[in-house]
Each structure stands twice: as structure tokens, then as C-alpha cells.
Amino acid sequence: MIPRVQVTDAAIATIDQLRAEHGPLMFHQSGGCCDGSSPMCFEQGELMINETDAYLGDIHDCPFYMSRDQFAYWEHTQLTVDIVPGRGASFSLEIPLGIRFVIKSRLFSDEEMQELVPVSWGI
């Protein structure tokens, strides 16, 4: 099965740092504008997930969710969570570190579309 979401080594190092301080983590990408369309990292359970959120898989043992509206735009792409310098305007846990999570993407091939990890909705 081909994962819908993956993570870079730099983002893994940040996840490890945040997990050591905050415990289990989760990611969510909403359909908002600006920073609302960036992946946000929360303490697991801090953000309420419901039937309008797609579970795309885990990145470094953290569940990754995306809002239904956002998923409609991204369902044909593989997402890679990375980290870049800069301060975002969100409530994501990495912001005080002077860095922010970002999404890099690429389109799946027709062949890959047949072998994707299935999406589930809600918790």
C-alpha cells in the first residue's frame, strides 16, 4: 500500500522534540486560508475530530487528519510533512521554536491511485 502522507527526517526530529515535551501528538490540516491550510501539530486529543475529518494515516506514530473540504483538493496527491524556518500564525506546537510544519505534495500516478492506503472518516 502506498501512504497518503509521509514525513521528512527534519520533521521527525521536530516531532521527537515536541513529543518529549508534550507527550503523544496528532496532526490536522484544515481547509482554512493562510496558516489554516498548513499542517498543525497538537497534543493528541486537544483537537476534536469528527465525521468531517479524514484520517490519512500516521506520520512518525502521530495520526494525521484533514478536513473533508481540504481532502477534496488533495485526494490525488501524496503529502510530505516537512519543517521550515519561520514563524506561522497558528496554534501549532512548533511555532514557539521559530519553525513551522509545511506540506509538500506530488500527484499520484494512475497506477499508484489503485494502491493507496484507504481513508477513514472521523475517529
N, C-alpha and C. Protein backbone atom coordinates (compact mmCIF):
# COMPACT_ATOMS: atom_id res chain seq x y z
N MET A 1 0.84 -1.18 0.00
CA MET A 1 0.00 0.00 0.00
C MET A 1 0.89 1.25 0.00
N ILE A 2 0.46 2.23 -0.73
CA ILE A 2 1.20 3.49 -0.84
C ILE A 2 0.62 4.48 0.16
N PRO A 3 1.49 5.06 1.02
CA PRO A 3 0.97 6.00 2.03
C PRO A 3 0.51 7.31 1.39
N ARG A 4 -0.54 7.88 1.96
CA ARG A 4 -1.04 9.18 1.51
C ARG A 4 -0.23 10.32 2.10
N VAL A 5 0.37 10.08 3.26
CA VAL A 5 1.13 11.13 3.94
C VAL A 5 2.42 10.52 4.48
N GLN A 6 3.49 11.28 4.34
CA GLN A 6 4.79 10.85 4.85
C GLN A 6 5.48 12.04 5.50
N VAL A 7 6.68 11.84 6.00
CA VAL A 7 7.34 12.88 6.80
C VAL A 7 8.84 12.87 6.52
N THR A 8 9.46 14.05 6.53
CA THR A 8 10.90 14.16 6.29
C THR A 8 11.66 13.91 7.60
N ASP A 9 12.96 13.66 7.47
CA ASP A 9 13.79 13.47 8.66
C ASP A 9 13.81 14.72 9.54
N ALA A 10 13.83 15.89 8.92
CA ALA A 10 13.83 17.14 9.71
C ALA A 10 12.55 17.26 10.52
N ALA A 11 11.42 16.91 9.93
CA ALA A 11 10.15 16.97 10.66
C ALA A 11 10.11 15.90 11.75
N ILE A 12 10.70 14.74 11.51
CA ILE A 12 10.76 13.70 12.53
C ILE A 12 11.51 14.20 13.76
N ALA A 13 12.64 14.89 13.53
CA ALA A 13 13.41 15.43 14.66
C ALA A 13 12.57 16.42 15.47
N THR A 14 11.79 17.24 14.79
CA THR A 14 10.92 18.20 15.49
C THR A 14 9.81 17.48 16.23
N ILE A 15 9.22 16.47 15.61
CA ILE A 15 8.18 15.69 16.28
C ILE A 15 8.74 15.06 17.55
N ASP A 16 9.95 14.50 17.48
CA ASP A 16 10.56 13.90 18.67
C ASP A 16 10.74 14.94 19.78
N GLN A 17 11.18 16.14 19.41
CA GLN A 17 11.38 17.21 20.38
C GLN A 17 10.04 17.61 21.02
N LEU A 18 9.02 17.77 20.20
CA LEU A 18 7.71 18.15 20.72
C LEU A 18 7.08 17.04 21.55
N ARG A 19 7.26 15.80 21.13
CA ARG A 19 6.70 14.66 21.88
C ARG A 19 7.36 14.55 23.26
N ALA A 20 8.66 14.83 23.35
CA ALA A 20 9.35 14.77 24.64
C ALA A 20 8.78 15.80 25.61
N GLU A 21 8.32 16.93 25.09
CA GLU A 21 7.78 17.99 25.93
C GLU A 21 6.28 17.84 26.19
N HIS A 22 5.53 17.39 25.18
CA HIS A 22 4.07 17.42 25.26
C HIS A 22 3.39 16.06 25.31
N GLY A 23 4.12 14.98 25.10
CA GLY A 23 3.51 13.66 25.07
C GLY A 23 2.99 13.32 23.68
N PRO A 24 2.03 12.38 23.58
CA PRO A 24 1.52 11.96 22.27
C PRO A 24 0.96 13.14 21.47
N LEU A 25 1.20 13.10 20.16
CA LEU A 25 0.82 14.21 19.28
C LEU A 25 -0.12 13.75 18.18
N MET A 26 -0.76 14.72 17.57
CA MET A 26 -1.60 14.49 16.39
C MET A 26 -1.42 15.67 15.44
N PHE A 27 -1.75 15.44 14.17
CA PHE A 27 -1.71 16.50 13.16
C PHE A 27 -3.08 16.66 12.53
N HIS A 28 -3.37 17.90 12.15
CA HIS A 28 -4.61 18.20 11.45
C HIS A 28 -4.33 19.29 10.43
N GLN A 29 -4.90 19.12 9.26
CA GLN A 29 -4.83 20.15 8.23
C GLN A 29 -6.25 20.54 7.86
N SER A 30 -6.61 21.78 8.16
CA SER A 30 -7.97 22.24 7.88
C SER A 30 -8.04 22.81 6.48
N GLY A 31 -9.19 23.30 6.12
CA GLY A 31 -9.38 23.91 4.82
C GLY A 31 -9.33 25.42 4.87
N GLY A 32 -8.83 25.98 5.97
CA GLY A 32 -8.79 27.43 6.12
C GLY A 32 -7.79 28.08 5.19
N CYS A 33 -7.78 29.38 5.21
CA CYS A 33 -6.82 30.11 4.39
C CYS A 33 -5.54 30.35 5.19
N CYS A 34 -4.52 30.79 4.51
CA CYS A 34 -3.24 31.14 5.14
C CYS A 34 -2.72 29.99 5.99
N ASP A 35 -2.46 30.24 7.28
CA ASP A 35 -1.93 29.18 8.14
C ASP A 35 -2.93 28.07 8.39
N GLY A 36 -4.21 28.34 8.18
CA GLY A 36 -5.22 27.30 8.35
C GLY A 36 -5.07 26.17 7.35
N SER A 37 -4.33 26.41 6.28
CA SER A 37 -4.10 25.36 5.30
C SER A 37 -2.74 24.68 5.51
N SER A 38 -2.07 25.01 6.59
CA SER A 38 -0.82 24.36 6.96
C SER A 38 -1.11 23.23 7.94
N PRO A 39 -0.27 22.21 7.95
CA PRO A 39 -0.50 21.15 8.94
C PRO A 39 -0.21 21.69 10.34
N MET A 40 -1.09 21.39 11.26
CA MET A 40 -0.89 21.86 12.63
C MET A 40 -0.73 20.67 13.56
N CYS A 41 0.18 20.81 14.50
CA CYS A 41 0.51 19.76 15.46
C CYS A 41 -0.09 20.14 16.81
N PHE A 42 -0.79 19.18 17.41
CA PHE A 42 -1.44 19.37 18.70
C PHE A 42 -1.11 18.20 19.62
N GLU A 43 -1.30 18.41 20.91
CA GLU A 43 -1.28 17.27 21.82
C GLU A 43 -2.44 16.38 21.42
N GLN A 44 -2.21 15.07 21.42
CA GLN A 44 -3.25 14.15 20.99
C GLN A 44 -4.50 14.36 21.84
N GLY A 45 -5.65 14.51 21.17
CA GLY A 45 -6.91 14.73 21.85
C GLY A 45 -7.25 16.19 22.07
N GLU A 46 -6.31 17.11 21.84
CA GLU A 46 -6.57 18.53 22.05
C GLU A 46 -7.55 19.09 21.03
N LEU A 47 -7.54 18.55 19.83
CA LEU A 47 -8.46 18.98 18.78
C LEU A 47 -9.52 17.90 18.60
N MET A 48 -10.76 18.30 18.63
CA MET A 48 -11.86 17.34 18.47
C MET A 48 -11.97 16.92 16.99
N ILE A 49 -11.93 15.63 16.75
CA ILE A 49 -12.06 15.07 15.41
C ILE A 49 -13.49 14.57 15.26
N ASN A 50 -14.10 14.77 14.08
CA ASN A 50 -15.45 14.26 13.87
C ASN A 50 -15.58 13.65 12.48
N GLU A 51 -16.81 13.37 12.07
CA GLU A 51 -17.05 12.66 10.80
C GLU A 51 -16.66 13.48 9.58
N THR A 52 -16.33 14.75 9.74
CA THR A 52 -15.90 15.55 8.59
C THR A 52 -14.38 15.56 8.44
N ASP A 53 -13.68 14.79 9.25
CA ASP A 53 -12.22 14.72 9.18
C ASP A 53 -11.77 13.38 8.63
N ALA A 54 -10.90 13.42 7.64
CA ALA A 54 -10.34 12.21 7.05
C ALA A 54 -9.06 11.83 7.78
N TYR A 55 -8.97 10.58 8.18
CA TYR A 55 -7.73 10.05 8.75
C TYR A 55 -6.92 9.50 7.58
N LEU A 56 -5.74 10.10 7.32
CA LEU A 56 -4.92 9.72 6.17
C LEU A 56 -3.84 8.71 6.52
N GLY A 57 -3.57 8.54 7.80
CA GLY A 57 -2.51 7.64 8.22
C GLY A 57 -1.70 8.27 9.33
N ASP A 58 -0.64 7.59 9.75
CA ASP A 58 0.24 8.11 10.80
C ASP A 58 1.54 8.59 10.19
N ILE A 59 2.08 9.65 10.78
CA ILE A 59 3.45 10.07 10.46
C ILE A 59 4.23 10.02 11.76
N HIS A 60 5.25 9.22 11.80
CA HIS A 60 6.10 9.06 12.98
C HIS A 60 5.24 8.83 14.22
N ASP A 61 4.32 7.90 14.11
CA ASP A 61 3.42 7.48 15.20
C ASP A 61 2.45 8.58 15.66
N CYS A 62 2.15 9.52 14.78
CA CYS A 62 1.17 10.58 15.08
C CYS A 62 0.07 10.49 14.03
N PRO A 63 -1.20 10.39 14.44
CA PRO A 63 -2.28 10.39 13.45
C PRO A 63 -2.35 11.72 12.70
N PHE A 64 -2.65 11.63 11.41
CA PHE A 64 -2.75 12.82 10.56
C PHE A 64 -4.16 12.86 9.98
N TYR A 65 -4.87 13.96 10.27
CA TYR A 65 -6.24 14.17 9.80
C TYR A 65 -6.30 15.39 8.88
N MET A 66 -7.31 15.40 8.04
CA MET A 66 -7.54 16.53 7.14
C MET A 66 -9.04 16.74 7.02
N SER A 67 -9.43 18.02 6.98
CA SER A 67 -10.86 18.31 6.84
C SER A 67 -11.37 17.81 5.48
N ARG A 68 -12.65 17.47 5.43
CA ARG A 68 -13.27 16.92 4.22
C ARG A 68 -13.08 17.86 3.01
N ASP A 69 -13.31 19.16 3.21
CA ASP A 69 -13.16 20.11 2.11
C ASP A 69 -11.74 20.15 1.58
N GLN A 70 -10.78 20.14 2.48
CA GLN A 70 -9.37 20.16 2.07
C GLN A 70 -9.01 18.85 1.36
N PHE A 71 -9.51 17.72 1.88
CA PHE A 71 -9.21 16.43 1.26
C PHE A 71 -9.73 16.38 -0.18
N ALA A 72 -10.84 17.02 -0.45
CA ALA A 72 -11.37 17.03 -1.82
C ALA A 72 -10.35 17.61 -2.81
N TYR A 73 -9.54 18.54 -2.35
CA TYR A 73 -8.49 19.13 -3.21
C TYR A 73 -7.23 18.28 -3.27
N TRP A 74 -6.92 17.57 -2.18
CA TRP A 74 -5.64 16.88 -2.05
C TRP A 74 -5.72 15.37 -2.24
N GLU A 75 -6.88 14.81 -2.53
CA GLU A 75 -7.01 13.36 -2.54
C GLU A 75 -6.15 12.67 -3.60
N HIS A 76 -5.72 13.38 -4.60
CA HIS A 76 -4.89 12.80 -5.66
C HIS A 76 -3.40 13.07 -5.47
N THR A 77 -3.03 13.52 -4.28
CA THR A 77 -1.62 13.87 -4.04
C THR A 77 -1.08 13.15 -2.82
N GLN A 78 0.20 12.86 -2.89
CA GLN A 78 0.90 12.35 -1.72
C GLN A 78 1.47 13.56 -0.99
N LEU A 79 1.21 13.63 0.30
CA LEU A 79 1.64 14.75 1.11
C LEU A 79 2.90 14.37 1.88
N THR A 80 3.83 15.30 1.95
CA THR A 80 5.02 15.11 2.76
C THR A 80 5.10 16.27 3.75
N VAL A 81 5.09 15.93 5.04
CA VAL A 81 5.20 16.95 6.08
C VAL A 81 6.68 17.25 6.27
N ASP A 82 7.01 18.53 6.20
CA ASP A 82 8.39 18.99 6.36
C ASP A 82 8.38 20.16 7.34
N ILE A 83 9.55 20.67 7.65
CA ILE A 83 9.69 21.79 8.56
C ILE A 83 10.53 22.87 7.87
N VAL A 84 10.17 24.12 8.08
CA VAL A 84 10.95 25.23 7.51
C VAL A 84 11.13 26.30 8.58
N PRO A 85 12.17 27.12 8.44
CA PRO A 85 12.32 28.23 9.38
C PRO A 85 11.20 29.24 9.17
N GLY A 86 10.84 29.92 10.23
CA GLY A 86 9.82 30.94 10.14
C GLY A 86 8.74 30.71 11.15
N ARG A 87 8.06 31.75 11.45
CA ARG A 87 7.03 31.67 12.48
C ARG A 87 5.67 31.81 11.83
N GLY A 88 4.85 30.78 11.98
CA GLY A 88 3.49 30.83 11.48
C GLY A 88 2.59 31.53 12.48
N ALA A 89 1.36 31.73 12.11
CA ALA A 89 0.40 32.43 12.97
C ALA A 89 -0.62 31.46 13.57
N SER A 90 -0.31 30.19 13.62
CA SER A 90 -1.28 29.21 14.10
C SER A 90 -1.02 28.84 15.56
N PHE A 91 -1.81 27.90 16.06
CA PHE A 91 -1.66 27.40 17.41
C PHE A 91 -0.85 26.11 17.44
N SER A 92 -0.19 25.78 16.35
CA SER A 92 0.59 24.56 16.26
C SER A 92 1.76 24.59 17.25
N LEU A 93 2.08 23.44 17.83
CA LEU A 93 3.06 23.36 18.92
C LEU A 93 4.48 23.80 18.53
N GLU A 94 4.84 23.72 17.26
CA GLU A 94 6.21 24.05 16.88
C GLU A 94 6.46 25.55 16.75
N ILE A 95 5.43 26.36 16.70
CA ILE A 95 5.56 27.80 16.43
C ILE A 95 6.53 28.49 17.38
N PRO A 96 6.50 28.24 18.70
CA PRO A 96 7.46 28.92 19.58
C PRO A 96 8.93 28.58 19.30
N LEU A 97 9.18 27.52 18.54
CA LEU A 97 10.55 27.14 18.19
C LEU A 97 11.11 27.96 17.03
N GLY A 98 10.28 28.82 16.42
CA GLY A 98 10.74 29.62 15.28
C GLY A 98 10.77 28.84 13.98
N ILE A 99 10.01 27.74 13.94
CA ILE A 99 9.90 26.91 12.74
C ILE A 99 8.43 26.60 12.53
N ARG A 100 8.12 26.02 11.38
CA ARG A 100 6.72 25.63 11.13
C ARG A 100 6.65 24.44 10.21
N PHE A 101 5.64 23.62 10.44
CA PHE A 101 5.40 22.49 9.55
C PHE A 101 4.79 23.01 8.26
N VAL A 102 5.17 22.39 7.16
CA VAL A 102 4.60 22.70 5.85
C VAL A 102 4.31 21.40 5.12
N ILE A 103 3.48 21.50 4.09
CA ILE A 103 3.17 20.35 3.24
C ILE A 103 3.84 20.53 1.90
N LYS A 104 4.49 19.49 1.46
CA LYS A 104 4.98 19.40 0.08
C LYS A 104 4.17 18.28 -0.56
N SER A 105 3.85 18.41 -1.82
CA SER A 105 2.97 17.40 -2.42
C SER A 105 3.42 17.05 -3.83
N ARG A 106 2.95 15.89 -4.24
CA ARG A 106 3.13 15.44 -5.62
C ARG A 106 1.90 14.65 -6.02
N LEU A 107 1.55 14.67 -7.28
CA LEU A 107 0.41 13.90 -7.77
C LEU A 107 0.74 12.42 -7.81
N PHE A 108 -0.23 11.61 -7.42
CA PHE A 108 -0.08 10.16 -7.57
C PHE A 108 -0.23 9.81 -9.05
N SER A 109 0.48 8.78 -9.47
CA SER A 109 0.27 8.25 -10.82
C SER A 109 -1.03 7.45 -10.84
N ASP A 110 -1.53 7.15 -12.03
CA ASP A 110 -2.74 6.34 -12.14
C ASP A 110 -2.55 4.98 -11.48
N GLU A 111 -1.36 4.40 -11.63
CA GLU A 111 -1.08 3.11 -11.02
C GLU A 111 -1.08 3.21 -9.49
N GLU A 112 -0.49 4.28 -8.95
CA GLU A 112 -0.45 4.46 -7.51
C GLU A 112 -1.85 4.65 -6.93
N MET A 113 -2.72 5.32 -7.67
CA MET A 113 -4.08 5.56 -7.19
C MET A 113 -4.80 4.24 -6.86
N GLN A 114 -4.41 3.16 -7.54
CA GLN A 114 -5.03 1.86 -7.31
C GLN A 114 -4.52 1.18 -6.04
N GLU A 115 -3.41 1.70 -5.48
CA GLU A 115 -2.77 1.02 -4.34
C GLU A 115 -2.63 1.92 -3.11
N LEU A 116 -3.49 2.91 -2.98
CA LEU A 116 -3.40 3.85 -1.86
C LEU A 116 -3.96 3.25 -0.57
N VAL A 117 -3.37 3.67 0.52
CA VAL A 117 -3.92 3.35 1.83
C VAL A 117 -5.31 3.95 1.89
N PRO A 118 -6.32 3.19 2.31
CA PRO A 118 -7.69 3.74 2.35
C PRO A 118 -7.81 4.86 3.39
N VAL A 119 -8.73 5.76 3.13
CA VAL A 119 -9.05 6.85 4.04
C VAL A 119 -10.21 6.42 4.92
N SER A 120 -10.17 6.79 6.19
CA SER A 120 -11.33 6.57 7.06
C SER A 120 -11.78 7.93 7.57
N TRP A 121 -13.04 8.01 7.93
CA TRP A 121 -13.63 9.29 8.35
C TRP A 121 -13.92 9.27 9.84
N GLY A 122 -13.59 10.39 10.50
CA GLY A 122 -13.84 10.53 11.93
C GLY A 122 -12.82 9.77 12.74
N ILE A 123 -13.16 9.50 13.98
CA ILE A 123 -12.22 8.84 14.89
C ILE A 123 -12.38 7.35 14.87
